[in-house]
Amino acid sequence: MSVDHHVMAATQLYLLQNKGVVSSKDLQHFTGYSERHLERKFEYHMGISPKKYGNIIRLHYFLSLMNTGTDHKNMTMLSYDAGYSDQSHLIREFKSNIGITPKQYLNTENRLAVNFIEL
């Protein structure tokens, strides 16, 4: 296996361990690659950018919080717990990736099978 493959596998694990909440500066420091070089290598190996990959992980983490929340925290608290800056940021990301809002998702009788990545 190439060095790039090992770095990309480690980067993927790093993103998973941090639930997708990782800045490009963090990734540069972690890999030693420039932002653009890392983006090219990651897209080559994974098919998507590190940012998109992190967004998917974060969204999946939010879904797990929402689906297993025993105390049914409000949406704002869940969005902060999942690393979103505010609830509107979460709603935009959710709708962009899932096609419906989190509230619409919760009110769906037959919930979508949304399993991007197992955490």
PDB file of N, CA and C in Angstrom:
ATOM      1  N   MET A   1       0.836  -1.192   0.000  1.00  0.00           N
ATOM      2  CA  MET A   1       0.000   0.000   0.000  1.00  0.00           C
ATOM      3  C   MET A   1       0.874   1.246   0.000  1.00  0.00           C
ATOM      4  N   SER A   2       0.375   2.271  -0.646  1.00  0.00           N
ATOM      5  CA  SER A   2       1.138   3.511  -0.749  1.00  0.00           C
ATOM      6  C   SER A   2       1.022   4.342   0.529  1.00  0.00           C
ATOM      7  N   VAL A   3       1.953   5.261   0.657  1.00  0.00           N
ATOM      8  CA  VAL A   3       1.921   6.185   1.793  1.00  0.00           C
ATOM      9  C   VAL A   3       0.618   6.983   1.754  1.00  0.00           C
ATOM     10  N   ASP A   4       0.217   7.435   0.561  1.00  0.00           N
ATOM     11  CA  ASP A   4      -1.034   8.197   0.435  1.00  0.00           C
ATOM     12  C   ASP A   4      -2.222   7.405   0.955  1.00  0.00           C
ATOM     13  N   HIS A   5      -2.264   6.124   0.627  1.00  0.00           N
ATOM     14  CA  HIS A   5      -3.379   5.286   1.088  1.00  0.00           C
ATOM     15  C   HIS A   5      -3.423   5.249   2.614  1.00  0.00           C
ATOM     16  N   HIS A   6      -2.266   5.087   3.239  1.00  0.00           N
ATOM     17  CA  HIS A   6      -2.216   5.054   4.706  1.00  0.00           C
ATOM     18  C   HIS A   6      -2.626   6.398   5.307  1.00  0.00           C
ATOM     19  N   VAL A   7      -2.182   7.480   4.701  1.00  0.00           N
ATOM     20  CA  VAL A   7      -2.540   8.816   5.196  1.00  0.00           C
ATOM     21  C   VAL A   7      -4.044   9.041   5.045  1.00  0.00           C
ATOM     22  N   MET A   8      -4.618   8.600   3.927  1.00  0.00           N
ATOM     23  CA  MET A   8      -6.056   8.782   3.715  1.00  0.00           C
ATOM     24  C   MET A   8      -6.865   7.926   4.683  1.00  0.00           C
ATOM     25  N   ALA A   9      -6.415   6.713   4.945  1.00  0.00           N
ATOM     26  CA  ALA A   9      -7.103   5.849   5.917  1.00  0.00           C
ATOM     27  C   ALA A   9      -7.033   6.468   7.317  1.00  0.00           C
ATOM     28  N   ALA A  10      -5.876   7.014   7.662  1.00  0.00           N
ATOM     29  CA  ALA A  10      -5.724   7.663   8.969  1.00  0.00           C
ATOM     30  C   ALA A  10      -6.588   8.921   9.043  1.00  0.00           C
ATOM     31  N   THR A  11      -6.668   9.658   7.937  1.00  0.00           N
ATOM     32  CA  THR A  11      -7.498  10.869   7.894  1.00  0.00           C
ATOM     33  C   THR A  11      -8.969  10.510   8.048  1.00  0.00           C
ATOM     34  N   GLN A  12      -9.384   9.452   7.381  1.00  0.00           N
ATOM     35  CA  GLN A  12     -10.764   8.984   7.499  1.00  0.00           C
ATOM     36  C   GLN A  12     -11.075   8.627   8.953  1.00  0.00           C
ATOM     37  N   LEU A  13     -10.197   7.905   9.590  1.00  0.00           N
ATOM     38  CA  LEU A  13     -10.391   7.525  10.994  1.00  0.00           C
ATOM     39  C   LEU A  13     -10.413   8.757  11.897  1.00  0.00           C
ATOM     40  N   TYR A  14      -9.531   9.712  11.631  1.00  0.00           N
ATOM     41  CA  TYR A  14      -9.476  10.962  12.391  1.00  0.00           C
ATOM     42  C   TYR A  14     -10.806  11.706  12.292  1.00  0.00           C
ATOM     43  N   LEU A  15     -11.365  11.778  11.084  1.00  0.00           N
ATOM     44  CA  LEU A  15     -12.664  12.435  10.892  1.00  0.00           C
ATOM     45  C   LEU A  15     -13.766  11.689  11.638  1.00  0.00           C
ATOM     46  N   LEU A  16     -13.744  10.368  11.593  1.00  0.00           N
ATOM     47  CA  LEU A  16     -14.748   9.572  12.310  1.00  0.00           C
ATOM     48  C   LEU A  16     -14.634   9.768  13.819  1.00  0.00           C
ATOM     49  N   GLN A  17     -13.426   9.736  14.324  1.00  0.00           N
ATOM     50  CA  GLN A  17     -13.221   9.876  15.769  1.00  0.00           C
ATOM     51  C   GLN A  17     -13.665  11.245  16.277  1.00  0.00           C
ATOM     52  N   ASN A  18     -13.574  12.252  15.423  1.00  0.00           N
ATOM     53  CA  ASN A  18     -13.974  13.612  15.801  1.00  0.00           C
ATOM     54  C   ASN A  18     -15.381  13.944  15.334  1.00  0.00           C
ATOM     55  N   LYS A  19     -16.131  12.912  14.959  1.00  0.00           N
ATOM     56  CA  LYS A  19     -17.534  13.044  14.547  1.00  0.00           C
ATOM     57  C   LYS A  19     -17.718  14.083  13.441  1.00  0.00           C
ATOM     58  N   GLY A  20     -16.694  14.199  12.578  1.00  0.00           N
ATOM     59  CA  GLY A  20     -16.785  15.085  11.425  1.00  0.00           C
ATOM     60  C   GLY A  20     -16.480  16.538  11.713  1.00  0.00           C
ATOM     61  N   VAL A  21     -16.266  16.880  12.968  1.00  0.00           N
ATOM     62  CA  VAL A  21     -16.029  18.279  13.343  1.00  0.00           C
ATOM     63  C   VAL A  21     -14.522  18.530  13.366  1.00  0.00           C
ATOM     64  N   VAL A  22     -13.968  18.764  12.165  1.00  0.00           N
ATOM     65  CA  VAL A  22     -12.539  18.970  12.004  1.00  0.00           C
ATOM     66  C   VAL A  22     -12.343  20.081  10.975  1.00  0.00           C
ATOM     67  N   SER A  23     -11.505  21.057  11.302  1.00  0.00           N
ATOM     68  CA  SER A  23     -11.242  22.150  10.358  1.00  0.00           C
ATOM     69  C   SER A  23     -10.186  21.724   9.343  1.00  0.00           C
ATOM     70  N   SER A  24     -10.107  22.457   8.256  1.00  0.00           N
ATOM     71  CA  SER A  24      -9.087  22.160   7.254  1.00  0.00           C
ATOM     72  C   SER A  24      -7.689  22.362   7.851  1.00  0.00           C
ATOM     73  N   LYS A  25      -7.546  23.324   8.757  1.00  0.00           N
ATOM     74  CA  LYS A  25      -6.258  23.539   9.436  1.00  0.00           C
ATOM     75  C   LYS A  25      -5.881  22.318  10.290  1.00  0.00           C
ATOM     76  N   ASP A  26      -6.881  21.739  10.970  1.00  0.00           N
ATOM     77  CA  ASP A  26      -6.637  20.525  11.758  1.00  0.00           C
ATOM     78  C   ASP A  26      -6.140  19.400  10.853  1.00  0.00           C
ATOM     79  N   LEU A  27      -6.784  19.253   9.697  1.00  0.00           N
ATOM     80  CA  LEU A  27      -6.397  18.196   8.755  1.00  0.00           C
ATOM     81  C   LEU A  27      -5.002  18.449   8.183  1.00  0.00           C
ATOM     82  N   GLN A  28      -4.680  19.710   7.915  1.00  0.00           N
ATOM     83  CA  GLN A  28      -3.344  20.040   7.414  1.00  0.00           C
ATOM     84  C   GLN A  28      -2.291  19.659   8.455  1.00  0.00           C
ATOM     85  N   HIS A  29      -2.575  19.998   9.705  1.00  0.00           N
ATOM     86  CA  HIS A  29      -1.647  19.680  10.789  1.00  0.00           C
ATOM     87  C   HIS A  29      -1.538  18.163  10.973  1.00  0.00           C
ATOM     88  N   PHE A  30      -2.665  17.469  10.910  1.00  0.00           N
ATOM     89  CA  PHE A  30      -2.697  16.021  11.117  1.00  0.00           C
ATOM     90  C   PHE A  30      -1.937  15.278  10.021  1.00  0.00           C
ATOM     91  N   THR A  31      -2.126  15.692   8.752  1.00  0.00           N
ATOM     92  CA  THR A  31      -1.538  14.959   7.627  1.00  0.00           C
ATOM     93  C   THR A  31      -0.189  15.502   7.171  1.00  0.00           C
ATOM     94  N   GLY A  32       0.049  16.790   7.413  1.00  0.00           N
ATOM     95  CA  GLY A  32       1.246  17.417   6.882  1.00  0.00           C
ATOM     96  C   GLY A  32       1.095  17.841   5.431  1.00  0.00           C
ATOM     97  N   TYR A  33      -0.090  17.633   4.858  1.00  0.00           N
ATOM     98  CA  TYR A  33      -0.371  18.014   3.477  1.00  0.00           C
ATOM     99  C   TYR A  33      -1.011  19.397   3.445  1.00  0.00           C
ATOM    100  N   SER A  34      -0.830  20.118   2.349  1.00  0.00           N
ATOM    101  CA  SER A  34      -1.547  21.375   2.175  1.00  0.00           C
ATOM    102  C   SER A  34      -3.031  21.056   1.987  1.00  0.00           C
ATOM    103  N   GLU A  35      -3.869  22.054   2.193  1.00  0.00           N
ATOM    104  CA  GLU A  35      -5.311  21.847   2.060  1.00  0.00           C
ATOM    105  C   GLU A  35      -5.675  21.316   0.674  1.00  0.00           C
ATOM    106  N   ARG A  36      -5.136  21.925  -0.350  1.00  0.00           N
ATOM    107  CA  ARG A  36      -5.471  21.525  -1.725  1.00  0.00           C
ATOM    108  C   ARG A  36      -4.926  20.138  -2.054  1.00  0.00           C
ATOM    109  N   HIS A  37      -3.698  19.833  -1.617  1.00  0.00           N
ATOM    110  CA  HIS A  37      -3.112  18.519  -1.872  1.00  0.00           C
ATOM    111  C   HIS A  37      -3.935  17.428  -1.167  1.00  0.00           C
ATOM    112  N   LEU A  38      -4.298  17.686   0.076  1.00  0.00           N
ATOM    113  CA  LEU A  38      -5.116  16.735   0.819  1.00  0.00           C
ATOM    114  C   LEU A  38      -6.470  16.528   0.138  1.00  0.00           C
ATOM    115  N   GLU A  39      -7.078  17.620  -0.292  1.00  0.00           N
ATOM    116  CA  GLU A  39      -8.374  17.520  -0.962  1.00  0.00           C
ATOM    117  C   GLU A  39      -8.274  16.647  -2.214  1.00  0.00           C
ATOM    118  N   ARG A  40      -7.246  16.879  -3.031  1.00  0.00           N
ATOM    119  CA  ARG A  40      -7.061  16.068  -4.253  1.00  0.00           C
ATOM    120  C   ARG A  40      -6.854  14.599  -3.910  1.00  0.00           C
ATOM    121  N   LYS A  41      -5.982  14.311  -2.964  1.00  0.00           N
ATOM    122  CA  LYS A  41      -5.688  12.927  -2.581  1.00  0.00           C
ATOM    123  C   LYS A  41      -6.916  12.238  -1.977  1.00  0.00           C
ATOM    124  N   PHE A  42      -7.626  12.954  -1.116  1.00  0.00           N
ATOM    125  CA  PHE A  42      -8.803  12.387  -0.462  1.00  0.00           C
ATOM    126  C   PHE A  42      -9.889  12.082  -1.492  1.00  0.00           C
ATOM    127  N   GLU A  43     -10.122  13.027  -2.399  1.00  0.00           N
ATOM    128  CA  GLU A  43     -11.118  12.798  -3.448  1.00  0.00           C
ATOM    129  C   GLU A  43     -10.729  11.624  -4.329  1.00  0.00           C
ATOM    130  N   TYR A  44      -9.462  11.485  -4.614  1.00  0.00           N
ATOM    131  CA  TYR A  44      -8.991  10.359  -5.433  1.00  0.00           C
ATOM    132  C   TYR A  44      -9.270   9.033  -4.733  1.00  0.00           C
ATOM    133  N   HIS A  45      -8.970   8.960  -3.449  1.00  0.00           N
ATOM    134  CA  HIS A  45      -9.128   7.709  -2.697  1.00  0.00           C
ATOM    135  C   HIS A  45     -10.552   7.459  -2.217  1.00  0.00           C
ATOM    136  N   MET A  46     -11.288   8.526  -1.865  1.00  0.00           N
ATOM    137  CA  MET A  46     -12.610   8.363  -1.256  1.00  0.00           C
ATOM    138  C   MET A  46     -13.772   8.731  -2.188  1.00  0.00           C
ATOM    139  N   GLY A  47     -13.490   9.522  -3.206  1.00  0.00           N
ATOM    140  CA  GLY A  47     -14.550   9.909  -4.132  1.00  0.00           C
ATOM    141  C   GLY A  47     -15.267  11.196  -3.752  1.00  0.00           C
ATOM    142  N   ILE A  48     -14.967  11.721  -2.587  1.00  0.00           N
ATOM    143  CA  ILE A  48     -15.555  12.986  -2.135  1.00  0.00           C
ATOM    144  C   ILE A  48     -14.490  13.772  -1.381  1.00  0.00           C
ATOM    145  N   SER A  49     -14.749  15.054  -1.163  1.00  0.00           N
ATOM    146  CA  SER A  49     -13.788  15.892  -0.447  1.00  0.00           C
ATOM    147  C   SER A  49     -13.808  15.571   1.049  1.00  0.00           C
ATOM    148  N   PRO A  50     -12.732  15.915   1.755  1.00  0.00           N
ATOM    149  CA  PRO A  50     -12.730  15.706   3.211  1.00  0.00           C
ATOM    150  C   PRO A  50     -13.840  16.498   3.899  1.00  0.00           C
ATOM    151  N   LYS A  51     -14.141  17.692   3.379  1.00  0.00           N
ATOM    152  CA  LYS A  51     -15.204  18.507   3.965  1.00  0.00           C
ATOM    153  C   LYS A  51     -16.560  17.805   3.826  1.00  0.00           C
ATOM    154  N   LYS A  52     -16.849  17.302   2.637  1.00  0.00           N
ATOM    155  CA  LYS A  52     -18.122  16.600   2.407  1.00  0.00           C
ATOM    156  C   LYS A  52     -18.191  15.342   3.278  1.00  0.00           C
ATOM    157  N   TYR A  53     -17.086  14.632   3.366  1.00  0.00           N
ATOM    158  CA  TYR A  53     -17.027  13.430   4.197  1.00  0.00           C
ATOM    159  C   TYR A  53     -17.315  13.779   5.660  1.00  0.00           C
ATOM    160  N   GLY A  54     -16.681  14.845   6.149  1.00  0.00           N
ATOM    161  CA  GLY A  54     -16.924  15.294   7.522  1.00  0.00           C
ATOM    162  C   GLY A  54     -18.367  15.709   7.741  1.00  0.00           C
ATOM    163  N   ASN A  55     -18.959  16.388   6.749  1.00  0.00           N
ATOM    164  CA  ASN A  55     -20.367  16.797   6.851  1.00  0.00           C
ATOM    165  C   ASN A  55     -21.288  15.582   6.940  1.00  0.00           C
ATOM    166  N   ILE A  56     -20.990  14.553   6.171  1.00  0.00           N
ATOM    167  CA  ILE A  56     -21.806  13.329   6.207  1.00  0.00           C
ATOM    168  C   ILE A  56     -21.690  12.663   7.573  1.00  0.00           C
ATOM    169  N   ILE A  57     -20.476  12.592   8.102  1.00  0.00           N
ATOM    170  CA  ILE A  57     -20.272  11.987   9.425  1.00  0.00           C
ATOM    171  C   ILE A  57     -21.030  12.771  10.487  1.00  0.00           C
ATOM    172  N   ARG A  58     -20.917  14.096  10.434  1.00  0.00           N
ATOM    173  CA  ARG A  58     -21.594  14.942  11.424  1.00  0.00           C
ATOM    174  C   ARG A  58     -23.107  14.788  11.326  1.00  0.00           C
ATOM    175  N   LEU A  59     -23.619  14.742  10.114  1.00  0.00           N
ATOM    176  CA  LEU A  59     -25.054  14.570   9.915  1.00  0.00           C
ATOM    177  C   LEU A  59     -25.504  13.200  10.429  1.00  0.00           C
ATOM    178  N   HIS A  60     -24.721  12.190  10.160  1.00  0.00           N
ATOM    179  CA  HIS A  60     -25.049  10.853  10.651  1.00  0.00           C
ATOM    180  C   HIS A  60     -25.024  10.823  12.184  1.00  0.00           C
ATOM    181  N   TYR A  61     -24.059  11.518  12.767  1.00  0.00           N
ATOM    182  CA  TYR A  61     -23.992  11.599  14.228  1.00  0.00           C
ATOM    183  C   TYR A  61     -25.231  12.307  14.777  1.00  0.00           C
ATOM    184  N   PHE A  62     -25.635  13.391  14.123  1.00  0.00           N
ATOM    185  CA  PHE A  62     -26.850  14.093  14.541  1.00  0.00           C
ATOM    186  C   PHE A  62     -28.053  13.151  14.484  1.00  0.00           C
ATOM    187  N   LEU A  63     -28.174  12.390  13.389  1.00  0.00           N
ATOM    188  CA  LEU A  63     -29.287  11.437  13.271  1.00  0.00           C
ATOM    189  C   LEU A  63     -29.267  10.421  14.408  1.00  0.00           C
ATOM    190  N   SER A  64     -28.079   9.940  14.770  1.00  0.00           N
ATOM    191  CA  SER A  64     -28.003   8.972  15.868  1.00  0.00           C
ATOM    192  C   SER A  64     -28.422   9.616  17.184  1.00  0.00           C
ATOM    193  N   LEU A  65     -28.027  10.879  17.402  1.00  0.00           N
ATOM    194  CA  LEU A  65     -28.461  11.585  18.611  1.00  0.00           C
ATOM    195  C   LEU A  65     -29.977  11.765  18.614  1.00  0.00           C
ATOM    196  N   MET A  66     -30.506  12.140  17.470  1.00  0.00           N
ATOM    197  CA  MET A  66     -31.936  12.398  17.358  1.00  0.00           C
ATOM    198  C   MET A  66     -32.747  11.111  17.544  1.00  0.00           C
ATOM    199  N   ASN A  67     -32.242  10.017  16.992  1.00  0.00           N
ATOM    200  CA  ASN A  67     -32.978   8.753  17.053  1.00  0.00           C
ATOM    201  C   ASN A  67     -32.836   8.020  18.382  1.00  0.00           C
ATOM    202  N   THR A  68     -31.772   8.295  19.119  1.00  0.00           N
ATOM    203  CA  THR A  68     -31.567   7.582  20.384  1.00  0.00           C
ATOM    204  C   THR A  68     -31.681   8.494  21.596  1.00  0.00           C
ATOM    205  N   GLY A  69     -31.994   9.764  21.363  1.00  0.00           N
ATOM    206  CA  GLY A  69     -32.107  10.709  22.476  1.00  0.00           C
ATOM    207  C   GLY A  69     -33.183  10.274  23.446  1.00  0.00           C
ATOM    208  N   THR A  70     -32.754   9.794  24.624  1.00  0.00           N
ATOM    209  CA  THR A  70     -33.722   9.304  25.603  1.00  0.00           C
ATOM    210  C   THR A  70     -34.479  10.440  26.268  1.00  0.00           C
ATOM    211  N   ASP A  71     -33.816  11.589  26.403  1.00  0.00           N
ATOM    212  CA  ASP A  71     -34.511  12.709  27.048  1.00  0.00           C
ATOM    213  C   ASP A  71     -35.122  13.662  26.017  1.00  0.00           C
ATOM    214  N   HIS A  72     -35.016  13.303  24.754  1.00  0.00           N
ATOM    215  CA  HIS A  72     -35.600  14.107  23.666  1.00  0.00           C
ATOM    216  C   HIS A  72     -35.281  15.591  23.816  1.00  0.00           C
ATOM    217  N   LYS A  73     -33.985  15.861  23.877  1.00  0.00           N
ATOM    218  CA  LYS A  73     -33.535  17.255  23.938  1.00  0.00           C
ATOM    219  C   LYS A  73     -34.116  18.016  22.761  1.00  0.00           C
ATOM    220  N   ASN A  74     -34.173  19.306  22.896  1.00  0.00           N
ATOM    221  CA  ASN A  74     -34.695  20.073  21.769  1.00  0.00           C
ATOM    222  C   ASN A  74     -33.682  20.095  20.630  1.00  0.00           C
ATOM    223  N   MET A  75     -34.156  20.421  19.455  1.00  0.00           N
ATOM    224  CA  MET A  75     -33.362  20.380  18.243  1.00  0.00           C
ATOM    225  C   MET A  75     -32.129  21.284  18.335  1.00  0.00           C
ATOM    226  N   THR A  76     -32.251  22.422  18.995  1.00  0.00           N
ATOM    227  CA  THR A  76     -31.122  23.337  19.126  1.00  0.00           C
ATOM    228  C   THR A  76     -29.986  22.678  19.901  1.00  0.00           C
ATOM    229  N   MET A  77     -30.303  22.045  21.011  1.00  0.00           N
ATOM    230  CA  MET A  77     -29.267  21.385  21.812  1.00  0.00           C
ATOM    231  C   MET A  77     -28.636  20.228  21.050  1.00  0.00           C
ATOM    232  N   LEU A  78     -29.438  19.463  20.328  1.00  0.00           N
ATOM    233  CA  LEU A  78     -28.893  18.357  19.532  1.00  0.00           C
ATOM    234  C   LEU A  78     -27.975  18.877  18.432  1.00  0.00           C
ATOM    235  N   SER A  79     -28.353  20.005  17.838  1.00  0.00           N
ATOM    236  CA  SER A  79     -27.510  20.563  16.773  1.00  0.00           C
ATOM    237  C   SER A  79     -26.155  20.991  17.335  1.00  0.00           C
ATOM    238  N   TYR A  80     -26.147  21.601  18.517  1.00  0.00           N
ATOM    239  CA  TYR A  80     -24.876  21.975  19.152  1.00  0.00           C
ATOM    240  C   TYR A  80     -24.068  20.723  19.513  1.00  0.00           C
ATOM    241  N   ASP A  81     -24.740  19.713  20.055  1.00  0.00           N
ATOM    242  CA  ASP A  81     -24.066  18.471  20.433  1.00  0.00           C
ATOM    243  C   ASP A  81     -23.380  17.809  19.236  1.00  0.00           C
ATOM    244  N   ALA A  82     -23.978  17.964  18.048  1.00  0.00           N
ATOM    245  CA  ALA A  82     -23.430  17.353  16.832  1.00  0.00           C
ATOM    246  C   ALA A  82     -22.399  18.253  16.139  1.00  0.00           C
ATOM    247  N   GLY A  83     -22.119  19.419  16.726  1.00  0.00           N
ATOM    248  CA  GLY A  83     -21.072  20.267  16.191  1.00  0.00           C
ATOM    249  C   GLY A  83     -21.512  21.332  15.210  1.00  0.00           C
ATOM    250  N   TYR A  84     -22.813  21.565  15.103  1.00  0.00           N
ATOM    251  CA  TYR A  84     -23.295  22.634  14.222  1.00  0.00           C
ATOM    252  C   TYR A  84     -23.251  23.959  14.977  1.00  0.00           C
ATOM    253  N   SER A  85     -22.988  25.047  14.245  1.00  0.00           N
ATOM    254  CA  SER A  85     -22.866  26.356  14.891  1.00  0.00           C
ATOM    255  C   SER A  85     -24.206  26.880  15.386  1.00  0.00           C
ATOM    256  N   ASP A  86     -25.288  26.502  14.714  1.00  0.00           N
ATOM    257  CA  ASP A  86     -26.631  26.859  15.161  1.00  0.00           C
ATOM    258  C   ASP A  86     -27.650  25.968  14.466  1.00  0.00           C
ATOM    259  N   GLN A  87     -28.900  26.081  14.886  1.00  0.00           N
ATOM    260  CA  GLN A  87     -29.941  25.211  14.360  1.00  0.00           C
ATOM    261  C   GLN A  87     -30.186  25.442  12.867  1.00  0.00           C
ATOM    262  N   SER A  88     -30.085  26.686  12.406  1.00  0.00           N
ATOM    263  CA  SER A  88     -30.343  26.948  10.987  1.00  0.00           C
ATOM    264  C   SER A  88     -29.266  26.303  10.110  1.00  0.00           C
ATOM    265  N   HIS A  89     -28.030  26.253  10.600  1.00  0.00           N
ATOM    266  CA  HIS A  89     -26.944  25.571   9.881  1.00  0.00           C
ATOM    267  C   HIS A  89     -27.267  24.087   9.745  1.00  0.00           C
ATOM    268  N   LEU A  90     -27.717  23.489  10.832  1.00  0.00           N
ATOM    269  CA  LEU A  90     -28.116  22.083  10.812  1.00  0.00           C
ATOM    270  C   LEU A  90     -29.242  21.854   9.806  1.00  0.00           C
ATOM    271  N   ILE A  91     -30.272  22.681   9.854  1.00  0.00           N
ATOM    272  CA  ILE A  91     -31.433  22.496   8.975  1.00  0.00           C
ATOM    273  C   ILE A  91     -31.010  22.589   7.508  1.00  0.00           C
ATOM    274  N   ARG A  92     -30.153  23.568   7.173  1.00  0.00           N
ATOM    275  CA  ARG A  92     -29.668  23.696   5.793  1.00  0.00           C
ATOM    276  C   ARG A  92     -28.914  22.442   5.351  1.00  0.00           C
ATOM    277  N   GLU A  93     -27.997  21.973   6.188  1.00  0.00           N
ATOM    278  CA  GLU A  93     -27.213  20.776   5.863  1.00  0.00           C
ATOM    279  C   GLU A  93     -28.121  19.550   5.732  1.00  0.00           C
ATOM    280  N   PHE A  94     -29.036  19.414   6.665  1.00  0.00           N
ATOM    281  CA  PHE A  94     -29.939  18.267   6.679  1.00  0.00           C
ATOM    282  C   PHE A  94     -30.777  18.248   5.402  1.00  0.00           C
ATOM    283  N   LYS A  95     -31.391  19.383   5.089  1.00  0.00           N
ATOM    284  CA  LYS A  95     -32.251  19.457   3.905  1.00  0.00           C
ATOM    285  C   LYS A  95     -31.446  19.252   2.630  1.00  0.00           C
ATOM    286  N   SER A  96     -30.249  19.791   2.580  1.00  0.00           N
ATOM    287  CA  SER A  96     -29.388  19.645   1.412  1.00  0.00           C
ATOM    288  C   SER A  96     -29.013  18.181   1.165  1.00  0.00           C
ATOM    289  N   ASN A  97     -28.762  17.439   2.235  1.00  0.00           N
ATOM    290  CA  ASN A  97     -28.316  16.049   2.109  1.00  0.00           C
ATOM    291  C   ASN A  97     -29.446  15.028   2.122  1.00  0.00           C
ATOM    292  N   ILE A  98     -30.490  15.288   2.884  1.00  0.00           N
ATOM    293  CA  ILE A  98     -31.572  14.317   3.052  1.00  0.00           C
ATOM    294  C   ILE A  98     -32.775  14.659   2.186  1.00  0.00           C
ATOM    295  N   GLY A  99     -32.987  15.949   1.947  1.00  0.00           N
ATOM    296  CA  GLY A  99     -34.110  16.366   1.110  1.00  0.00           C
ATOM    297  C   GLY A  99     -35.311  16.865   1.884  1.00  0.00           C
ATOM    298  N   ILE A 100     -35.269  16.670   3.194  1.00  0.00           N
ATOM    299  CA  ILE A 100     -36.352  17.160   4.057  1.00  0.00           C
ATOM    300  C   ILE A 100     -35.712  17.764   5.309  1.00  0.00           C
ATOM    301  N   THR A 101     -36.502  18.487   6.093  1.00  0.00           N
ATOM    302  CA  THR A 101     -35.976  19.082   7.327  1.00  0.00           C
ATOM    303  C   THR A 101     -35.956  18.026   8.437  1.00  0.00           C
ATOM    304  N   PRO A 102     -35.196  18.280   9.509  1.00  0.00           N
ATOM    305  CA  PRO A 102     -35.202  17.325  10.627  1.00  0.00           C
ATOM    306  C   PRO A 102     -36.603  17.105  11.199  1.00  0.00           C
ATOM    307  N   LYS A 103     -37.392  18.169  11.285  1.00  0.00           N
ATOM    308  CA  LYS A 103     -38.749  18.031  11.814  1.00  0.00           C
ATOM    309  C   LYS A 103     -39.601  17.140  10.903  1.00  0.00           C
ATOM    310  N   GLN A 104     -39.464  17.329   9.582  1.00  0.00           N
ATOM    311  CA  GLN A 104     -40.192  16.478   8.639  1.00  0.00           C
ATOM    312  C   GLN A 104     -39.728  15.028   8.790  1.00  0.00           C
ATOM    313  N   TYR A 105     -38.442  14.832   9.000  1.00  0.00           N
ATOM    314  CA  TYR A 105     -37.897  13.490   9.207  1.00  0.00           C
ATOM    315  C   TYR A 105     -38.530  12.840  10.432  1.00  0.00           C
ATOM    316  N   LEU A 106     -38.607  13.605  11.538  1.00  0.00           N
ATOM    317  CA  LEU A 106     -39.189  13.070  12.766  1.00  0.00           C
ATOM    318  C   LEU A 106     -40.664  12.718  12.592  1.00  0.00           C
ATOM    319  N   ASN A 107     -41.361  13.485  11.761  1.00  0.00           N
ATOM    320  CA  ASN A 107     -42.790  13.255  11.557  1.00  0.00           C
ATOM    321  C   ASN A 107     -43.093  12.237  10.460  1.00  0.00           C
ATOM    322  N   THR A 108     -42.049  11.677   9.859  1.00  0.00           N
ATOM    323  CA  THR A 108     -42.248  10.681   8.811  1.00  0.00           C
ATOM    324  C   THR A 108     -42.565   9.345   9.451  1.00  0.00           C
ATOM    325  N   GLU A 109     -43.665   8.767   9.031  1.00  0.00           N
ATOM    326  CA  GLU A 109     -44.104   7.479   9.556  1.00  0.00           C
ATOM    327  C   GLU A 109     -43.072   6.398   9.259  1.00  0.00           C
ATOM    328  N   ASN A 110     -42.685   6.283   8.008  1.00  0.00           N
ATOM    329  CA  ASN A 110     -41.721   5.274   7.592  1.00  0.00           C
ATOM    330  C   ASN A 110     -40.386   5.983   7.365  1.00  0.00           C
ATOM    331  N   ARG A 111     -39.609   6.119   8.423  1.00  0.00           N
ATOM    332  CA  ARG A 111     -38.367   6.897   8.368  1.00  0.00           C
ATOM    333  C   ARG A 111     -37.411   6.385   7.294  1.00  0.00           C
ATOM    334  N   LEU A 112     -36.701   7.322   6.736  1.00  0.00           N
ATOM    335  CA  LEU A 112     -35.730   7.009   5.696  1.00  0.00           C
ATOM    336  C   LEU A 112     -34.626   6.107   6.246  1.00  0.00           C
ATOM    337  N   ALA A 113     -34.135   5.246   5.400  1.00  0.00           N
ATOM    338  CA  ALA A 113     -32.994   4.411   5.783  1.00  0.00           C
ATOM    339  C   ALA A 113     -31.728   5.186   5.483  1.00  0.00           C
ATOM    340  N   VAL A 114     -31.348   6.036   6.403  1.00  0.00           N
ATOM    341  CA  VAL A 114     -30.186   6.906   6.204  1.00  0.00           C
ATOM    342  C   VAL A 114     -29.033   6.362   7.031  1.00  0.00           C
ATOM    343  N   ASN A 115     -28.165   5.646   6.392  1.00  0.00           N
ATOM    344  CA  ASN A 115     -26.990   5.104   7.063  1.00  0.00           C
ATOM    345  C   ASN A 115     -25.765   5.389   6.216  1.00  0.00           C
ATOM    346  N   PHE A 116     -25.245   6.617   6.332  1.00  0.00           N
ATOM    347  CA  PHE A 116     -24.073   6.989   5.544  1.00  0.00           C
ATOM    348  C   PHE A 116     -22.866   6.173   5.979  1.00  0.00           C
ATOM    349  N   ILE A 117     -22.587   6.233   7.246  1.00  0.00           N
ATOM    350  CA  ILE A 117     -21.381   5.625   7.788  1.00  0.00           C
ATOM    351  C   ILE A 117     -21.706   5.170   9.198  1.00  0.00           C
ATOM    352  N   GLU A 118     -21.325   3.964   9.518  1.00  0.00           N
ATOM    353  CA  GLU A 118     -21.580   3.476  10.867  1.00  0.00           C
ATOM    354  C   GLU A 118     -20.536   4.055  11.811  1.00  0.00           C
ATOM    355  N   LEU A 119     -20.982   4.697  12.882  1.00  0.00           N
ATOM    356  CA  LEU A 119     -20.045   5.275  13.853  1.00  0.00           C
ATOM    357  C   LEU A 119     -19.788   4.305  14.984  1.00  0.00           C
TER     358      LEU A 119
END
